[in-house]
Amino acid sequence: MAITILEAARARGLEENPDGSITAGALADVGFPILGGCASCEASIAAYNAHPGRGGFWLCGDCVGDDGFETTEAFEAWGSEQEADR
């Protein structure tokens, strides 16, 4: 199963509030917005149900298919490769 943006954010050190809630600012602090849209079907998605895709865009669970990442480590390695190519 593909990781979500929320899982990637937690791996980057996302700080939750004492009650377990998460703010948009906390997500932004680790490099992610809280809301987005699926690059394929254009569904509205949020960090908890959005998957980073290998094309650099968010995808919903129905559209991610094999385009997602199985681990946060694989996602971060891909991101590092993208940065190196710039």
N, C-alpha and C. Protein backbone atom coordinates (compact mmCIF):
# COMPACT_ATOMS: atom_id res chain seq x y z
N MET A 1 0.84 -1.19 0.00
CA MET A 1 0.00 0.00 0.00
C MET A 1 0.88 1.25 0.00
N ALA A 2 0.46 2.25 -0.71
CA ALA A 2 1.22 3.49 -0.83
C ALA A 2 1.09 4.34 0.44
N ILE A 3 2.17 4.99 0.80
CA ILE A 3 2.15 5.89 1.96
C ILE A 3 1.29 7.11 1.66
N THR A 4 0.86 7.78 2.72
CA THR A 4 0.11 9.02 2.58
C THR A 4 1.03 10.20 2.85
N ILE A 5 0.55 11.37 2.49
CA ILE A 5 1.28 12.60 2.80
C ILE A 5 1.46 12.73 4.32
N LEU A 6 0.44 12.35 5.08
CA LEU A 6 0.52 12.43 6.54
C LEU A 6 1.64 11.54 7.08
N GLU A 7 1.78 10.34 6.53
CA GLU A 7 2.87 9.46 6.96
C GLU A 7 4.22 10.06 6.61
N ALA A 8 4.32 10.66 5.44
CA ALA A 8 5.57 11.31 5.04
C ALA A 8 5.87 12.49 5.96
N ALA A 9 4.84 13.24 6.33
CA ALA A 9 5.02 14.38 7.23
C ALA A 9 5.49 13.92 8.61
N ARG A 10 4.90 12.85 9.10
CA ARG A 10 5.32 12.31 10.41
C ARG A 10 6.78 11.86 10.36
N ALA A 11 7.20 11.26 9.25
CA ALA A 11 8.59 10.83 9.11
C ALA A 11 9.54 12.02 9.09
N ARG A 12 9.05 13.17 8.67
CA ARG A 12 9.87 14.39 8.64
C ARG A 12 9.84 15.13 9.98
N GLY A 13 9.12 14.60 10.96
CA GLY A 13 9.11 15.21 12.28
C GLY A 13 7.90 16.07 12.57
N LEU A 14 6.79 15.82 11.91
CA LEU A 14 5.55 16.57 12.16
C LEU A 14 5.24 16.62 13.65
N GLU A 15 4.96 17.81 14.14
CA GLU A 15 4.63 18.00 15.55
C GLU A 15 3.12 18.07 15.72
N GLU A 16 2.57 17.10 16.43
CA GLU A 16 1.14 17.10 16.73
C GLU A 16 0.88 17.87 18.01
N ASN A 17 -0.32 18.38 18.15
CA ASN A 17 -0.73 19.03 19.39
C ASN A 17 -0.88 17.97 20.47
N PRO A 18 -0.89 18.38 21.74
CA PRO A 18 -1.03 17.41 22.83
C PRO A 18 -2.27 16.51 22.69
N ASP A 19 -3.32 17.02 22.08
CA ASP A 19 -4.54 16.21 21.91
C ASP A 19 -4.51 15.34 20.66
N GLY A 20 -3.39 15.36 19.92
CA GLY A 20 -3.24 14.54 18.73
C GLY A 20 -3.66 15.22 17.44
N SER A 21 -4.20 16.43 17.54
CA SER A 21 -4.61 17.14 16.33
C SER A 21 -3.38 17.73 15.63
N ILE A 22 -3.58 18.07 14.37
CA ILE A 22 -2.49 18.60 13.55
C ILE A 22 -2.97 19.89 12.90
N THR A 23 -2.13 20.89 12.90
CA THR A 23 -2.49 22.16 12.27
C THR A 23 -1.90 22.24 10.86
N ALA A 24 -2.48 23.11 10.06
CA ALA A 24 -1.94 23.36 8.72
C ALA A 24 -0.53 23.91 8.83
N GLY A 25 -0.28 24.73 9.85
CA GLY A 25 1.05 25.29 10.05
C GLY A 25 2.09 24.22 10.37
N ALA A 26 1.71 23.23 11.15
CA ALA A 26 2.64 22.14 11.48
C ALA A 26 2.98 21.33 10.24
N LEU A 27 2.00 21.11 9.37
CA LEU A 27 2.27 20.42 8.11
C LEU A 27 3.18 21.26 7.22
N ALA A 28 2.91 22.54 7.16
CA ALA A 28 3.74 23.44 6.35
C ALA A 28 5.18 23.46 6.85
N ASP A 29 5.35 23.36 8.16
CA ASP A 29 6.69 23.36 8.74
C ASP A 29 7.55 22.20 8.25
N VAL A 30 6.92 21.09 7.84
CA VAL A 30 7.67 19.94 7.33
C VAL A 30 7.53 19.81 5.81
N GLY A 31 6.98 20.85 5.17
CA GLY A 31 7.00 20.92 3.72
C GLY A 31 5.76 20.47 2.97
N PHE A 32 4.62 20.36 3.66
CA PHE A 32 3.41 19.90 2.99
C PHE A 32 2.22 20.81 3.27
N PRO A 33 1.35 21.00 2.27
CA PRO A 33 0.08 21.67 2.53
C PRO A 33 -0.91 20.67 3.15
N ILE A 34 -1.99 21.16 3.70
CA ILE A 34 -2.97 20.26 4.32
C ILE A 34 -4.00 19.75 3.31
N LEU A 35 -4.27 20.54 2.28
CA LEU A 35 -5.27 20.16 1.28
C LEU A 35 -4.66 20.17 -0.12
N GLY A 36 -5.24 19.37 -0.98
CA GLY A 36 -4.79 19.33 -2.37
C GLY A 36 -5.84 18.67 -3.23
N GLY A 37 -5.45 18.33 -4.42
CA GLY A 37 -6.35 17.65 -5.33
C GLY A 37 -5.63 16.54 -6.06
N CYS A 38 -6.36 15.50 -6.39
CA CYS A 38 -5.79 14.37 -7.11
C CYS A 38 -5.42 14.82 -8.52
N ALA A 39 -4.20 14.54 -8.92
CA ALA A 39 -3.71 14.94 -10.24
C ALA A 39 -4.41 14.18 -11.36
N SER A 40 -5.06 13.08 -11.02
CA SER A 40 -5.71 12.27 -12.04
C SER A 40 -7.21 12.57 -12.16
N CYS A 41 -7.94 12.38 -11.05
CA CYS A 41 -9.41 12.54 -11.11
C CYS A 41 -9.89 13.88 -10.57
N GLU A 42 -8.98 14.67 -10.02
CA GLU A 42 -9.26 16.00 -9.48
C GLU A 42 -10.10 16.01 -8.20
N ALA A 43 -10.19 14.87 -7.52
CA ALA A 43 -10.90 14.82 -6.24
C ALA A 43 -10.17 15.68 -5.21
N SER A 44 -10.91 16.30 -4.31
CA SER A 44 -10.31 17.02 -3.20
C SER A 44 -9.77 16.00 -2.21
N ILE A 45 -8.53 16.17 -1.80
CA ILE A 45 -7.91 15.25 -0.86
C ILE A 45 -7.12 16.06 0.17
N ALA A 46 -6.87 15.43 1.30
CA ALA A 46 -6.12 16.06 2.38
C ALA A 46 -4.94 15.18 2.73
N ALA A 47 -4.08 15.66 3.59
CA ALA A 47 -2.84 14.96 3.92
C ALA A 47 -3.09 13.52 4.36
N TYR A 48 -4.20 13.25 5.04
CA TYR A 48 -4.43 11.90 5.56
C TYR A 48 -4.85 10.90 4.49
N ASN A 49 -5.38 11.36 3.35
CA ASN A 49 -5.82 10.41 2.31
C ASN A 49 -5.20 10.71 0.94
N ALA A 50 -4.18 11.53 0.91
CA ALA A 50 -3.46 11.85 -0.32
C ALA A 50 -2.16 11.06 -0.35
N HIS A 51 -1.79 10.61 -1.51
CA HIS A 51 -0.57 9.84 -1.68
C HIS A 51 0.39 10.60 -2.59
N PRO A 52 1.67 10.72 -2.20
CA PRO A 52 2.61 11.34 -3.13
C PRO A 52 2.85 10.40 -4.31
N GLY A 53 2.80 10.95 -5.50
CA GLY A 53 3.04 10.15 -6.70
C GLY A 53 4.40 10.41 -7.30
N ARG A 54 4.88 9.47 -8.08
CA ARG A 54 6.20 9.58 -8.71
C ARG A 54 6.28 10.68 -9.75
N GLY A 55 5.14 11.24 -10.13
CA GLY A 55 5.15 12.36 -11.05
C GLY A 55 5.29 13.69 -10.34
N GLY A 56 5.35 13.66 -8.99
CA GLY A 56 5.50 14.88 -8.22
C GLY A 56 4.19 15.50 -7.77
N PHE A 57 3.09 14.80 -8.00
CA PHE A 57 1.77 15.32 -7.64
C PHE A 57 1.08 14.38 -6.67
N TRP A 58 0.06 14.90 -5.99
CA TRP A 58 -0.75 14.09 -5.10
C TRP A 58 -1.74 13.26 -5.91
N LEU A 59 -2.05 12.07 -5.39
CA LEU A 59 -3.04 11.20 -5.99
C LEU A 59 -3.94 10.64 -4.89
N CYS A 60 -5.21 10.40 -5.23
CA CYS A 60 -6.12 9.80 -4.26
C CYS A 60 -5.88 8.28 -4.23
N GLY A 61 -6.49 7.61 -3.28
CA GLY A 61 -6.32 6.17 -3.14
C GLY A 61 -6.80 5.38 -4.34
N ASP A 62 -7.80 5.88 -5.04
CA ASP A 62 -8.30 5.18 -6.22
C ASP A 62 -7.36 5.32 -7.41
N CYS A 63 -6.62 6.40 -7.48
CA CYS A 63 -5.79 6.69 -8.66
C CYS A 63 -4.30 6.39 -8.47
N VAL A 64 -3.83 6.21 -7.25
CA VAL A 64 -2.39 6.09 -7.01
C VAL A 64 -1.80 4.84 -7.67
N GLY A 65 -2.51 3.74 -7.66
CA GLY A 65 -2.01 2.52 -8.31
C GLY A 65 -0.57 2.22 -7.94
N ASP A 66 0.27 1.95 -8.94
CA ASP A 66 1.68 1.66 -8.72
C ASP A 66 2.54 2.92 -8.73
N ASP A 67 1.92 4.10 -8.78
CA ASP A 67 2.65 5.36 -8.88
C ASP A 67 3.06 5.91 -7.52
N GLY A 68 2.65 5.27 -6.42
CA GLY A 68 2.98 5.75 -5.09
C GLY A 68 4.27 5.13 -4.55
N PHE A 69 4.53 5.40 -3.31
CA PHE A 69 5.72 4.91 -2.63
C PHE A 69 5.30 3.99 -1.49
N GLU A 70 6.00 2.87 -1.34
CA GLU A 70 5.64 1.92 -0.30
C GLU A 70 6.19 2.32 1.07
N THR A 71 7.24 3.12 1.08
CA THR A 71 7.84 3.56 2.35
C THR A 71 8.17 5.04 2.29
N THR A 72 8.27 5.64 3.47
CA THR A 72 8.67 7.04 3.53
C THR A 72 10.13 7.20 3.09
N GLU A 73 10.94 6.18 3.33
CA GLU A 73 12.34 6.23 2.91
C GLU A 73 12.44 6.28 1.38
N ALA A 74 11.61 5.49 0.70
CA ALA A 74 11.61 5.51 -0.76
C ALA A 74 11.15 6.87 -1.28
N PHE A 75 10.17 7.46 -0.62
CA PHE A 75 9.68 8.78 -1.01
C PHE A 75 10.78 9.83 -0.83
N GLU A 76 11.45 9.82 0.29
CA GLU A 76 12.51 10.80 0.55
C GLU A 76 13.69 10.60 -0.40
N ALA A 77 14.03 9.36 -0.71
CA ALA A 77 15.12 9.10 -1.66
C ALA A 77 14.75 9.64 -3.03
N TRP A 78 13.50 9.44 -3.45
CA TRP A 78 13.03 9.98 -4.72
C TRP A 78 13.12 11.51 -4.71
N GLY A 79 12.70 12.13 -3.61
CA GLY A 79 12.78 13.59 -3.50
C GLY A 79 14.21 14.09 -3.59
N SER A 80 15.13 13.39 -2.98
CA SER A 80 16.54 13.77 -3.04
C SER A 80 17.06 13.68 -4.48
N GLU A 81 16.64 12.65 -5.21
CA GLU A 81 17.04 12.50 -6.60
C GLU A 81 16.49 13.65 -7.45
N GLN A 82 15.26 14.05 -7.16
CA GLN A 82 14.65 15.15 -7.91
C GLN A 82 15.40 16.45 -7.67
N GLU A 83 15.79 16.68 -6.43
CA GLU A 83 16.56 17.88 -6.08
C GLU A 83 17.91 17.89 -6.77
N ALA A 84 18.56 16.71 -6.82
CA ALA A 84 19.88 16.61 -7.44
C ALA A 84 19.81 16.87 -8.94
N ASP A 85 18.68 16.54 -9.55
CA ASP A 85 18.52 16.75 -10.99
C ASP A 85 18.24 18.20 -11.36
N ARG A 86 17.96 19.04 -10.40
CA ARG A 86 17.64 20.45 -10.68
C ARG A 86 18.87 21.25 -10.91
